Amino acid sequence: MAVPSKKWQLPPPVKSHGLPVDLPAAAIQVLLSRGIDNREKLQFFLEPPHRLPHDPLRLPDMDRGIRRLYQAVSRKETVGIFGDFDVDGLTGTAIIAEGLASLDVPVVPYLPKRMGEGHGLSNAAIQHMVQQGVTLVVTVDCGVDAVAEVSEAHRLGADVIITDHHLPPAVLPDAEAVINPKLPGSSYPFPELCGAGLAFKLIQGLYEYYGQPWDPSLLELAALATIADLVPMVDENRYLVTEGLKVMAHTERPGLQALFRRARVDQQSLNAQTVAFQISPRLNSAGRMSHAMEAFRLLTTKSLEEADSLADRLELLNQERRTLSERAISAALDQVQRRSEAGDLPPILLVWDDCITPGVAGLVAGRLVDLYHRPAVAMSADGDHLVASARGIPEFNLVEAFSACDGYLVRYGGHAQAAGFTIARENLPRLTEDLTAYAQSKLGSLDLSPTLAIDATVALDELTDGLIQWLQELEPYGPANPLPVFLTLGVPVSEVHYMGQSRQHLRLVVGDGDGGGRWTALAFNQADKWVENTKRLDLVYSITDDTWRGRGAHALRVLDFRPAQG
């Protein structure tokens, strides 16, 4: 299926800089693309002068939250922990559950089902936890807008501590503590923690209040979430991931060990990309296809037998998720392509189809954004309603857009570039019209052509061990520190192999075997672009670990390609 070609945004010429002269030329270009142009900035990036992790007591209401938790520990109260069904929510729930359990506090974890319950704290969840003896509820990654739900908890005799990193509304719940670095007046030095990062700060603060060391194994849970939630990979997030990956490399969690075996992950070579592509999808598959509690149990079990059973279960769910998402993405692309061919591609894409389910709607929207560089909304059916997952672009705030159209919405919420809503089917035409008009007003004057930013143009013989070692120094990669992207022109192609159930992927062998050597190049979901008998390619790619070939092996992860000119 044809998709729009991406414009390649070439790097500017290298100007004068103050970086070490012995750095590889490609590494210098990568650093300059990140605004790092002298030794001092490089040192600050690699080893920030401020102490990490930051003092949790600088977070709004943290002191109140810790005091209430101390009271719960002293009284041996039963504490309910309400999280979300994605990696961020379930790992944050695990962090608080394990942190409190080590202080002999009985806990009741609660993760909602994606279908039927949806995001956010609910009265039904509060009632369930109170029935289990809960007198204090701690939220993870949600709750900052749960005014009615906190009131219901109070009515039932339970207190609430909220930990949430979403933008707060004008009116906050009457909770015992609302711990959110984005609250007005917050003095916390880094506002971009994910939900599990805030959960870690709560336990860190509690243990420091007791004068006890917190369990380092909590860092691996915080790292999983920080990578999966696509928060900026700088400052404290960089610390959490760097230190968490070190712990993960020697994890004692039977569930993670079993998951690594299923994913053929070499623990000693773990990096953020391995977690993002191999581990996060498997953990997320539980919440997408079944119930997130299966992934929660995998992360927290002490039983080798249960770990193996749950890892097998997640492997099966992930395979089902792949099949379902491929079908849903194909249906969505058909809809968008028909509009594109008719010259009617709107500034915001809205799609829905019976094969789009709540578990894969976000994946569908994300693929559309990647291919068309415009905000996208993928909807699944729920009786008389449609439930939407939306993904955005930096130039467009989804929550503001939904707020402008909230007269048609049953509910909405989320982040600027990842949000959702529920709407009655009968209101979809009006919403589509208004959302399109709103997007046109914000994006109409912009060039929405998909682009691919390139850090450096290199020859294959520049991909030396020295360069790869330097790139590893810049890890972990993620938002605000993206994986470096390279362009190589006129690469010889010696082998072409199709992969995937639908032969949708390519595995190429490129290079001439001389100074640049031969490389495996993996082009996922790009087989339709291959032109038979092509001998040379212009390749845009990142360097990635090649886990199939063993420790220390690398491959090119192809982001785009075209037949070489001339």
Protein backbone atom coordinates (compact mmCIF):
# COMPACT_ATOMS: atom_id res chain seq x y z
CA MET A 1 0.00 0.00 0.00
CA ALA A 2 1.44 3.34 -1.01
CA VAL A 3 2.16 5.84 1.74
CA PRO A 4 3.49 9.40 1.45
CA SER A 5 7.24 9.74 0.96
CA LYS A 6 9.13 11.60 3.67
CA LYS A 7 11.26 14.62 2.97
CA TRP A 8 14.82 14.13 4.16
CA GLN A 9 15.95 17.06 6.26
CA LEU A 10 19.70 17.16 5.79
CA PRO A 11 21.98 18.45 8.57
CA PRO A 12 23.51 21.92 8.16
CA PRO A 13 27.23 22.20 7.38
CA VAL A 14 29.47 21.78 10.42
CA LYS A 15 30.54 25.17 11.79
CA SER A 16 33.18 26.03 14.34
CA HIS A 17 32.72 24.40 17.74
CA GLY A 18 34.49 23.74 21.00
CA LEU A 19 34.05 19.98 21.15
CA PRO A 20 37.05 17.66 21.59
CA VAL A 21 38.89 17.38 18.26
CA ASP A 22 39.48 13.65 18.67
CA LEU A 23 35.76 12.84 18.44
CA PRO A 24 34.60 11.03 15.27
CA ALA A 25 33.24 13.50 12.72
CA ALA A 26 29.81 11.84 12.78
CA ALA A 27 29.68 12.08 16.59
CA ILE A 28 30.41 15.81 16.36
CA GLN A 29 27.51 16.25 13.94
CA VAL A 30 25.19 14.33 16.29
CA LEU A 31 26.19 16.51 19.24
CA LEU A 32 25.79 19.72 17.26
CA SER A 33 22.27 18.66 16.22
CA ARG A 34 21.42 18.53 19.94
CA GLY A 35 22.84 22.00 20.62
CA ILE A 36 25.95 20.57 22.32
CA ASP A 37 28.79 22.60 20.81
CA ASN A 38 31.49 22.75 23.50
CA ARG A 39 33.14 20.65 26.21
CA GLU A 40 31.15 22.24 29.03
CA LYS A 41 27.77 21.44 27.49
CA LEU A 42 28.90 17.90 26.74
CA GLN A 43 30.07 17.40 30.32
CA PHE A 44 26.80 18.85 31.67
CA PHE A 45 24.82 16.46 29.48
CA LEU A 46 26.83 13.36 30.42
CA GLU A 47 27.27 14.19 34.12
CA PRO A 48 24.95 16.94 35.41
CA PRO A 49 26.49 18.87 38.32
CA HIS A 50 23.32 18.72 40.44
CA ARG A 51 22.70 15.75 42.72
CA LEU A 52 20.34 13.11 41.39
CA PRO A 53 17.76 11.94 42.15
CA HIS A 54 16.25 15.27 43.19
CA ASP A 55 14.94 15.79 46.73
CA PRO A 56 11.34 14.45 46.70
CA LEU A 57 10.26 17.00 49.34
CA ARG A 58 10.52 19.72 46.69
CA LEU A 59 7.42 18.24 45.01
CA PRO A 60 4.08 19.90 45.86
CA ASP A 61 2.28 18.20 48.76
CA MET A 62 4.98 15.52 49.11
CA ASP A 63 5.38 16.30 52.81
CA ARG A 64 1.64 15.82 53.35
CA GLY A 65 1.66 12.59 51.36
CA ILE A 66 4.57 11.18 53.34
CA ARG A 67 2.99 12.07 56.67
CA ARG A 68 -0.24 10.31 55.67
CA LEU A 69 1.67 7.24 54.50
CA TYR A 70 3.67 7.23 57.74
CA GLN A 71 0.38 7.19 59.59
CA ALA A 72 -0.81 4.28 57.45
CA VAL A 73 2.39 2.35 58.18
CA SER A 74 2.11 3.00 61.91
CA ARG A 75 -1.51 1.89 62.03
CA LYS A 76 -1.01 -1.02 59.60
CA GLU A 77 -3.82 0.34 57.45
CA THR A 78 -4.70 -1.40 54.21
CA VAL A 79 -3.65 0.82 51.30
CA GLY A 80 -5.25 0.65 47.87
CA ILE A 81 -3.10 1.54 44.86
CA PHE A 82 -4.95 2.59 41.72
CA GLY A 83 -2.86 2.67 38.55
CA ASP A 84 -3.41 2.68 34.81
CA PHE A 85 -3.32 -0.29 32.42
CA ASP A 86 -0.19 0.74 30.50
CA VAL A 87 3.46 0.15 31.43
CA ASP A 88 3.65 3.47 33.27
CA GLY A 89 0.62 2.71 35.41
CA LEU A 90 1.37 -0.91 36.21
CA THR A 91 5.04 -0.33 37.07
CA GLY A 92 4.16 2.66 39.24
CA THR A 93 1.59 0.52 41.03
CA ALA A 94 4.27 -2.14 41.55
CA ILE A 95 6.74 0.43 42.93
CA ILE A 96 4.32 1.65 45.60
CA ALA A 97 3.04 -1.86 46.36
CA GLU A 98 6.55 -3.23 46.90
CA GLY A 99 7.71 -0.16 48.79
CA LEU A 100 4.80 -0.37 51.24
CA ALA A 101 4.84 -4.17 51.51
CA SER A 102 8.48 -3.98 52.68
CA LEU A 103 7.18 -1.86 55.57
CA ASP A 104 4.59 -4.57 56.37
CA VAL A 105 1.69 -2.56 54.97
CA PRO A 106 -1.09 -4.67 53.40
CA VAL A 107 -1.83 -3.40 49.88
CA VAL A 108 -4.65 -3.84 47.39
CA PRO A 109 -3.46 -3.06 43.84
CA TYR A 110 -6.14 -2.12 41.32
CA LEU A 111 -5.63 -1.76 37.57
CA PRO A 112 -8.77 -1.06 35.50
CA LYS A 113 -9.72 -2.96 32.38
CA ARG A 114 -9.24 -0.95 29.20
CA MET A 115 -12.60 -2.05 27.82
CA GLY A 116 -15.46 -1.35 30.19
CA GLU A 117 -13.61 0.80 32.72
CA GLY A 118 -11.17 2.92 30.71
CA HIS A 119 -8.68 5.45 32.04
CA GLY A 120 -8.89 7.19 35.37
CA LEU A 121 -10.08 6.71 38.92
CA SER A 122 -13.69 5.55 39.17
CA ASN A 123 -16.30 5.28 41.90
CA ALA A 124 -16.61 1.54 41.21
CA ALA A 125 -12.88 1.05 41.80
CA ILE A 126 -13.01 3.04 45.03
CA GLN A 127 -16.00 1.05 46.26
CA HIS A 128 -14.22 -2.22 45.44
CA MET A 129 -11.08 -1.21 47.34
CA VAL A 130 -13.02 0.03 50.37
CA GLN A 131 -14.83 -3.30 50.47
CA GLN A 132 -11.38 -4.91 50.76
CA GLY A 133 -10.67 -2.87 53.88
CA VAL A 134 -8.80 -0.01 52.21
CA THR A 135 -8.69 3.22 54.22
CA LEU A 136 -6.14 5.05 52.05
CA VAL A 137 -6.03 5.12 48.24
CA VAL A 138 -2.88 6.17 46.36
CA THR A 139 -3.26 6.90 42.65
CA VAL A 140 -0.58 6.42 40.00
CA ASP A 141 -0.55 8.37 36.73
CA CYS A 142 -4.09 9.67 37.26
CA GLY A 143 -6.45 11.41 39.64
CA VAL A 144 -5.56 15.10 39.31
CA ASP A 145 -9.03 15.73 37.84
CA ALA A 146 -10.93 13.17 39.98
CA VAL A 147 -12.95 15.65 42.05
CA ALA A 148 -16.12 13.52 42.27
CA GLU A 149 -14.22 10.28 42.85
CA VAL A 150 -12.18 11.67 45.75
CA SER A 151 -15.43 12.96 47.24
CA GLU A 152 -16.86 9.43 46.95
CA ALA A 153 -13.79 8.01 48.73
CA HIS A 154 -14.31 10.46 51.58
CA ARG A 155 -17.96 9.52 51.77
CA LEU A 156 -16.90 5.89 52.22
CA GLY A 157 -14.30 6.78 54.87
CA ALA A 158 -11.13 6.54 52.78
CA ASP A 159 -8.43 9.15 52.24
CA VAL A 160 -6.71 9.72 48.88
CA ILE A 161 -3.15 10.62 47.88
CA ILE A 162 -2.84 11.58 44.22
CA THR A 163 0.34 11.16 42.20
CA ASP A 164 -0.18 12.37 38.64
CA HIS A 165 1.99 14.03 35.99
CA HIS A 166 -0.84 15.24 33.75
CA LEU A 167 -1.57 18.95 33.42
CA PRO A 168 -3.83 19.91 36.36
CA PRO A 169 -7.28 21.47 35.88
CA ALA A 170 -8.34 24.72 37.51
CA VAL A 171 -10.15 22.85 40.31
CA LEU A 172 -8.23 20.12 42.16
CA PRO A 173 -9.71 17.22 44.14
CA ASP A 174 -9.92 17.63 47.91
CA ALA A 175 -7.29 14.94 48.47
CA GLU A 176 -4.87 14.53 51.37
CA ALA A 177 -2.08 15.31 48.90
CA VAL A 178 -1.89 16.13 45.20
CA ILE A 179 1.68 15.35 44.15
CA ASN A 180 2.24 16.75 40.68
CA PRO A 181 5.32 18.68 39.47
CA LYS A 182 3.16 20.59 36.98
CA LEU A 183 1.05 22.31 39.66
CA PRO A 184 1.24 26.12 39.62
CA GLY A 185 3.94 27.32 41.97
CA SER A 186 5.83 24.03 42.00
CA SER A 187 9.56 24.46 42.72
CA TYR A 188 10.52 20.97 41.64
CA PRO A 189 13.48 21.31 39.25
CA PHE A 190 12.29 18.72 36.71
CA PRO A 191 8.59 18.60 35.76
CA GLU A 192 8.79 15.82 33.14
CA LEU A 193 8.68 12.67 35.28
CA CYS A 194 6.32 9.93 34.17
CA GLY A 195 3.69 8.44 36.49
CA ALA A 196 5.96 5.68 37.76
CA GLY A 197 8.72 8.26 38.23
CA LEU A 198 6.43 10.12 40.63
CA ALA A 199 5.53 6.83 42.35
CA PHE A 200 9.25 6.25 42.86
CA LYS A 201 9.63 9.75 44.34
CA LEU A 202 6.86 8.99 46.84
CA ILE A 203 8.57 5.81 48.04
CA GLN A 204 11.98 7.50 47.98
CA GLY A 205 10.59 10.27 50.18
CA LEU A 206 8.91 7.83 52.56
CA TYR A 207 12.05 5.77 53.06
CA GLU A 208 14.23 8.85 53.53
CA TYR A 209 11.70 10.02 56.14
CA TYR A 210 12.30 6.71 57.94
CA GLY A 211 16.07 7.06 57.49
CA GLN A 212 16.16 3.78 55.55
CA PRO A 213 17.62 3.04 52.10
CA TRP A 214 15.07 2.40 49.36
CA ASP A 215 15.30 -0.83 47.37
CA PRO A 216 17.44 -0.28 44.22
CA SER A 217 15.27 -2.81 42.37
CA LEU A 218 12.56 -0.15 42.24
CA LEU A 219 14.77 1.70 39.76
CA GLU A 220 14.31 -0.98 37.12
CA LEU A 221 10.54 -0.52 37.33
CA ALA A 222 10.91 3.26 37.05
CA ALA A 223 13.22 2.78 34.05
CA LEU A 224 10.71 0.53 32.27
CA ALA A 225 8.03 3.18 32.61
CA THR A 226 10.24 6.15 31.74
CA ILE A 227 11.23 4.48 28.47
CA ALA A 228 7.71 3.31 27.62
CA ASP A 229 5.98 6.62 28.42
CA LEU A 230 8.13 8.63 25.98
CA VAL A 231 8.98 11.42 28.41
CA PRO A 232 12.07 13.58 27.72
CA MET A 233 15.23 11.53 28.20
CA VAL A 234 17.16 14.22 30.06
CA ASP A 235 17.93 15.21 33.66
CA GLU A 236 16.25 12.97 36.25
CA ASN A 237 14.65 10.73 33.62
CA ARG A 238 18.10 10.06 32.19
CA TYR A 239 19.27 9.16 35.71
CA LEU A 240 16.34 6.81 36.35
CA VAL A 241 16.87 4.98 33.06
CA THR A 242 20.67 4.79 33.29
CA GLU A 243 20.63 3.44 36.83
CA GLY A 244 17.56 1.30 36.23
CA LEU A 245 19.15 -0.42 33.24
CA LYS A 246 22.18 -1.26 35.39
CA VAL A 247 19.90 -2.97 37.92
CA MET A 248 17.89 -4.63 35.14
CA ALA A 249 21.04 -6.17 33.69
CA HIS A 250 21.31 -8.21 36.91
CA THR A 251 17.62 -8.37 37.78
CA GLU A 252 16.48 -10.83 40.39
CA ARG A 253 12.86 -10.59 39.28
CA PRO A 254 11.80 -13.99 37.92
CA GLY A 255 9.22 -12.29 35.69
CA LEU A 256 11.72 -10.03 33.95
CA GLN A 257 14.16 -12.92 33.56
CA ALA A 258 11.43 -15.01 31.92
CA LEU A 259 10.41 -12.10 29.68
CA PHE A 260 14.01 -11.55 28.59
CA ARG A 261 14.27 -15.22 27.60
CA ARG A 262 11.08 -15.05 25.51
CA ALA A 263 12.27 -11.89 23.77
CA ARG A 264 15.81 -13.24 23.20
CA VAL A 265 17.23 -10.27 25.12
CA ASP A 266 20.84 -10.30 26.26
CA GLN A 267 20.67 -8.71 29.73
CA GLN A 268 24.29 -7.59 29.57
CA SER A 269 23.58 -5.54 26.43
CA LEU A 270 20.37 -3.89 27.62
CA ASN A 271 19.64 -0.37 26.42
CA ALA A 272 16.57 1.84 26.10
CA GLN A 273 15.90 0.71 22.52
CA THR A 274 15.85 -2.95 23.54
CA VAL A 275 13.34 -2.17 26.27
CA ALA A 276 11.23 0.00 23.96
CA PHE A 277 11.00 -2.52 21.11
CA GLN A 278 11.23 -5.88 22.90
CA ILE A 279 9.97 -5.52 26.48
CA SER A 280 7.45 -2.66 26.58
CA PRO A 281 5.17 -4.15 23.87
CA ARG A 282 5.00 -7.45 25.74
CA LEU A 283 4.12 -5.74 29.02
CA ASN A 284 1.58 -3.49 27.29
CA SER A 285 -0.04 -6.45 25.53
CA ALA A 286 -1.71 -7.52 28.79
CA GLY A 287 -3.63 -4.25 29.11
CA ARG A 288 -4.34 -4.08 25.37
CA MET A 289 -5.61 -7.64 24.91
CA SER A 290 -6.62 -8.92 28.36
CA HIS A 291 -5.95 -7.38 31.79
CA ALA A 292 -2.92 -5.40 32.96
CA MET A 293 -2.90 -7.35 36.25
CA GLU A 294 -1.22 -10.20 34.36
CA ALA A 295 1.76 -7.94 33.61
CA PHE A 296 1.70 -6.59 37.18
CA ARG A 297 1.86 -10.13 38.56
CA LEU A 298 4.70 -10.97 36.17
CA LEU A 299 6.79 -8.06 37.47
CA THR A 300 6.10 -8.74 41.16
CA THR A 301 5.97 -12.54 41.45
CA LYS A 302 8.66 -14.40 43.40
CA SER A 303 7.70 -17.73 41.83
CA LEU A 304 9.78 -19.06 38.93
CA GLU A 305 6.88 -21.27 37.84
CA GLU A 306 4.36 -18.43 37.84
CA ALA A 307 6.86 -16.19 36.04
CA ASP A 308 7.29 -18.69 33.22
CA SER A 309 3.54 -19.19 32.92
CA LEU A 310 2.83 -15.46 32.80
CA ALA A 311 5.67 -14.79 30.35
CA ASP A 312 4.20 -17.42 28.02
CA ARG A 313 0.83 -15.77 28.39
CA LEU A 314 2.21 -12.31 27.52
CA GLU A 315 4.07 -13.75 24.54
CA LEU A 316 0.78 -15.14 23.21
CA LEU A 317 -1.05 -11.86 23.85
CA ASN A 318 1.68 -9.92 22.08
CA GLN A 319 1.38 -12.13 19.01
CA GLU A 320 -2.37 -11.54 18.99
CA ARG A 321 -1.76 -7.82 19.39
CA ARG A 322 0.56 -7.80 16.38
CA THR A 323 -1.96 -9.58 14.18
CA LEU A 324 -4.83 -7.37 15.28
CA SER A 325 -2.85 -4.13 14.94
CA GLU A 326 -1.66 -5.02 11.41
CA ARG A 327 -5.28 -5.57 10.33
CA ALA A 328 -6.46 -2.36 12.01
CA ILE A 329 -3.61 -0.26 10.58
CA SER A 330 -4.32 -1.62 7.09
CA ALA A 331 -8.00 -0.65 7.39
CA ALA A 332 -7.10 2.84 8.64
CA LEU A 333 -4.56 3.38 5.87
CA ASP A 334 -7.18 2.39 3.28
CA GLN A 335 -9.50 5.08 4.60
CA VAL A 336 -6.83 7.77 4.68
CA GLN A 337 -5.40 6.85 1.29
CA ARG A 338 -8.80 7.12 -0.37
CA ARG A 339 -9.11 10.67 0.94
CA SER A 340 -5.55 11.45 -0.08
CA GLU A 341 -6.11 10.19 -3.65
CA ALA A 342 -9.24 12.33 -3.84
CA GLY A 343 -7.19 15.38 -2.84
CA ASP A 344 -9.12 15.65 0.44
CA LEU A 345 -6.53 14.97 3.15
CA PRO A 346 -7.59 17.00 6.21
CA PRO A 347 -5.21 18.55 8.77
CA ILE A 348 -6.41 16.01 11.38
CA LEU A 349 -7.12 12.36 10.55
CA LEU A 350 -10.13 10.59 12.08
CA VAL A 351 -10.70 6.89 11.38
CA TRP A 352 -12.84 4.14 12.80
CA ASP A 353 -13.53 0.59 11.77
CA ASP A 354 -14.95 -2.54 13.36
CA CYS A 355 -11.47 -4.11 13.37
CA ILE A 356 -10.03 -1.23 15.43
CA THR A 357 -10.27 -2.25 19.08
CA PRO A 358 -9.47 -0.17 22.19
CA GLY A 359 -6.27 -2.17 22.66
CA VAL A 360 -4.76 -1.17 19.32
CA ALA A 361 -6.41 2.21 18.61
CA GLY A 362 -3.43 4.12 19.99
CA LEU A 363 -1.06 2.09 17.81
CA VAL A 364 -3.18 2.90 14.76
CA ALA A 365 -3.17 6.62 15.54
CA GLY A 366 0.57 6.55 16.14
CA ARG A 367 1.24 4.91 12.77
CA LEU A 368 -0.88 7.50 10.98
CA VAL A 369 1.02 10.33 12.67
CA ASP A 370 4.33 8.76 11.69
CA LEU A 371 3.28 8.37 8.04
CA TYR A 372 1.36 11.61 7.47
CA HIS A 373 2.74 14.02 10.11
CA ARG A 374 -0.62 15.32 11.27
CA PRO A 375 -2.67 14.59 14.39
CA ALA A 376 -4.67 11.37 14.17
CA VAL A 377 -7.65 9.92 16.01
CA ALA A 378 -8.47 6.20 15.86
CA MET A 379 -11.86 5.13 17.23
CA SER A 380 -13.28 1.81 18.35
CA ALA A 381 -16.93 0.92 18.85
CA ASP A 382 -18.46 0.56 22.31
CA GLY A 383 -22.21 0.14 21.85
CA ASP A 384 -23.75 3.49 21.01
CA HIS A 385 -20.44 5.23 21.68
CA LEU A 386 -17.03 5.49 20.06
CA VAL A 387 -13.88 5.46 22.21
CA ALA A 388 -10.96 7.34 20.68
CA SER A 389 -7.21 7.26 21.12
CA ALA A 390 -5.36 10.20 19.60
CA ARG A 391 -1.72 10.96 18.88
CA GLY A 392 -0.42 14.37 17.95
CA ILE A 393 2.47 16.39 16.58
CA PRO A 394 4.46 19.11 18.38
CA GLU A 395 2.60 21.88 16.56
CA PHE A 396 -0.82 20.78 17.87
CA ASN A 397 -2.22 20.31 21.39
CA LEU A 398 -4.81 17.53 21.41
CA VAL A 399 -6.29 18.35 24.82
CA GLU A 400 -6.85 21.96 23.82
CA ALA A 401 -8.49 20.77 20.60
CA PHE A 402 -10.83 18.42 22.45
CA SER A 403 -11.62 21.12 24.99
CA ALA A 404 -12.73 23.40 22.16
CA CYS A 405 -15.19 20.69 21.08
CA ASP A 406 -16.18 19.35 24.50
CA GLY A 407 -19.87 20.01 23.93
CA TYR A 408 -20.04 16.77 21.92
CA LEU A 409 -17.81 14.65 24.16
CA VAL A 410 -18.86 12.37 27.01
CA ARG A 411 -15.34 12.65 28.44
CA TYR A 412 -11.82 13.46 27.31
CA GLY A 413 -8.32 13.86 28.71
CA GLY A 414 -4.65 13.04 28.37
CA HIS A 415 -1.49 14.81 27.23
CA ALA A 416 -0.84 17.38 24.52
CA GLN A 417 0.31 14.68 22.10
CA ALA A 418 -1.41 11.57 23.49
CA ALA A 419 -5.04 11.86 24.51
CA GLY A 420 -8.47 10.31 24.09
CA PHE A 421 -12.21 10.84 24.30
CA THR A 422 -15.58 9.09 24.29
CA ILE A 423 -18.42 10.30 22.07
CA ALA A 424 -21.91 9.19 21.10
CA ARG A 425 -21.87 7.87 17.53
CA GLU A 426 -24.57 10.30 16.45
CA ASN A 427 -22.31 13.22 17.34
CA LEU A 428 -19.32 12.05 15.29
CA PRO A 429 -20.17 14.05 12.11
CA ARG A 430 -20.40 17.32 14.03
CA LEU A 431 -17.23 16.56 15.99
CA THR A 432 -15.37 15.72 12.78
CA GLU A 433 -16.44 18.99 11.23
CA ASP A 434 -15.48 21.07 14.27
CA LEU A 435 -12.20 19.28 14.94
CA THR A 436 -11.21 19.66 11.30
CA ALA A 437 -12.01 23.38 11.39
CA TYR A 438 -10.04 23.77 14.64
CA ALA A 439 -7.06 21.90 13.19
CA GLN A 440 -7.24 23.99 10.02
CA SER A 441 -7.04 27.16 12.09
CA LYS A 442 -3.95 25.90 13.92
CA LEU A 443 -2.18 23.98 11.14
CA GLY A 444 -3.53 25.38 7.89
CA SER A 445 -0.53 27.62 7.25
CA LEU A 446 2.05 24.92 8.04
CA ASP A 447 3.74 22.43 5.75
CA LEU A 448 2.53 19.08 7.08
CA SER A 449 4.68 16.99 4.76
CA PRO A 450 6.28 14.11 6.69
CA THR A 451 9.97 14.84 7.30
CA LEU A 452 12.89 12.80 8.53
CA ALA A 453 15.58 14.77 10.36
CA ILE A 454 19.08 13.46 9.64
CA ASP A 455 21.95 14.04 12.09
CA ALA A 456 24.86 13.24 9.79
CA THR A 457 25.70 12.06 6.28
CA VAL A 458 28.32 9.29 6.53
CA ALA A 459 30.00 6.58 4.52
CA LEU A 460 29.69 3.01 5.77
CA ASP A 461 33.41 2.92 6.60
CA GLU A 462 32.76 5.69 9.17
CA LEU A 463 30.57 3.31 11.21
CA THR A 464 33.56 2.22 13.27
CA ASP A 465 33.71 0.69 16.72
CA GLY A 466 34.92 4.06 17.95
CA LEU A 467 31.83 5.85 16.65
CA ILE A 468 29.48 3.20 18.05
CA GLN A 469 31.20 3.43 21.43
CA TRP A 470 30.71 7.20 21.43
CA LEU A 471 27.06 6.83 20.52
CA GLN A 472 26.66 4.47 23.46
CA GLU A 473 28.05 7.20 25.73
CA LEU A 474 25.08 9.37 24.77
CA GLU A 475 22.52 6.74 25.80
CA PRO A 476 19.83 6.39 26.97
CA TYR A 477 18.00 7.70 23.91
CA GLY A 478 14.41 8.91 23.78
CA PRO A 479 12.46 12.17 23.39
CA ALA A 480 14.74 15.25 23.66
CA ASN A 481 17.69 12.93 22.99
CA PRO A 482 16.57 10.89 19.98
CA LEU A 483 18.48 7.96 18.53
CA PRO A 484 20.95 9.42 15.99
CA VAL A 485 19.88 9.20 12.35
CA PHE A 486 22.40 8.78 9.54
CA LEU A 487 22.28 9.00 5.75
CA THR A 488 24.51 6.96 3.46
CA LEU A 489 24.30 7.43 -0.31
CA GLY A 490 24.76 4.79 -2.99
CA VAL A 491 24.95 1.72 -0.73
CA PRO A 492 25.43 -1.55 -2.67
CA VAL A 493 22.71 -4.18 -2.02
CA SER A 494 23.79 -7.83 -2.26
CA GLU A 495 20.83 -9.65 -0.65
CA VAL A 496 17.08 -9.01 -0.23
CA HIS A 497 14.82 -11.08 2.01
CA TYR A 498 11.14 -10.57 2.92
CA MET A 499 10.01 -11.11 6.52
CA GLY A 500 6.73 -11.08 8.47
CA GLN A 501 3.42 -12.89 8.14
CA SER A 502 2.46 -10.64 5.23
CA ARG A 503 6.02 -10.23 3.90
CA GLN A 504 5.76 -6.61 5.00
CA HIS A 505 9.36 -6.29 6.27
CA LEU A 506 12.73 -6.37 4.50
CA ARG A 507 16.10 -7.71 5.58
CA LEU A 508 18.84 -6.44 3.32
CA VAL A 509 22.56 -7.15 3.22
CA VAL A 510 24.35 -3.95 2.18
CA GLY A 511 27.93 -2.80 1.69
CA ASP A 512 30.74 -3.92 -0.56
CA GLY A 513 32.71 -5.94 1.98
CA ASP A 514 35.71 -3.62 1.69
CA GLY A 515 36.46 -0.81 4.14
CA GLY A 516 32.83 -0.36 5.13
CA GLY A 517 32.19 -4.05 5.53
CA ARG A 518 28.78 -5.68 5.17
CA TRP A 519 25.79 -4.73 7.25
CA THR A 520 22.38 -6.21 7.88
CA ALA A 521 19.75 -3.54 7.24
CA LEU A 522 16.23 -4.09 8.64
CA ALA A 523 13.37 -2.15 7.06
CA PHE A 524 10.16 -2.79 9.00
CA ASN A 525 6.80 -2.20 7.23
CA GLN A 526 8.58 -0.92 4.12
CA ALA A 527 8.56 -3.93 1.79
CA ASP A 528 6.02 -2.22 -0.48
CA LYS A 529 8.65 0.41 -1.40
CA TRP A 530 11.19 -2.11 -2.69
CA VAL A 531 11.87 -1.91 -6.44
CA GLU A 532 13.07 -5.24 -7.82
CA ASN A 533 16.60 -5.40 -9.23
CA THR A 534 17.71 -2.29 -7.36
CA LYS A 535 21.49 -2.46 -7.00
CA ARG A 536 22.21 0.61 -4.89
CA LEU A 537 20.21 2.50 -2.27
CA ASP A 538 20.28 5.80 -0.45
CA LEU A 539 19.65 4.71 3.15
CA VAL A 540 18.42 6.66 6.19
CA TYR A 541 18.93 4.62 9.34
CA SER A 542 19.90 4.30 12.97
CA ILE A 543 22.39 1.82 14.39
CA THR A 544 20.81 -0.81 16.58
CA ASP A 545 21.82 -3.98 18.40
CA ASP A 546 21.41 -7.14 16.33
CA THR A 547 20.23 -9.54 19.03
CA TRP A 548 19.80 -12.39 16.55
CA ARG A 549 23.52 -12.39 15.77
CA GLY A 550 24.63 -12.27 19.39
CA ARG A 551 26.27 -9.89 21.86
CA GLY A 552 28.13 -6.96 20.36
CA ALA A 553 26.59 -7.34 16.89
CA HIS A 554 24.94 -4.34 15.27
CA ALA A 555 22.57 -3.73 12.38
CA LEU A 556 21.08 -0.78 10.54
CA ARG A 557 17.46 -0.05 11.40
CA VAL A 558 16.23 1.52 8.17
CA LEU A 559 13.90 4.50 8.57
CA ASP A 560 13.59 5.23 4.85
CA PHE A 561 15.26 4.36 1.55
CA ARG A 562 15.12 5.04 -2.15
CA PRO A 563 17.00 3.81 -5.21
CA ALA A 564 20.28 5.66 -5.55
CA GLN A 565 20.48 8.22 -8.32
CA GLY A 566 23.15 7.80 -11.01
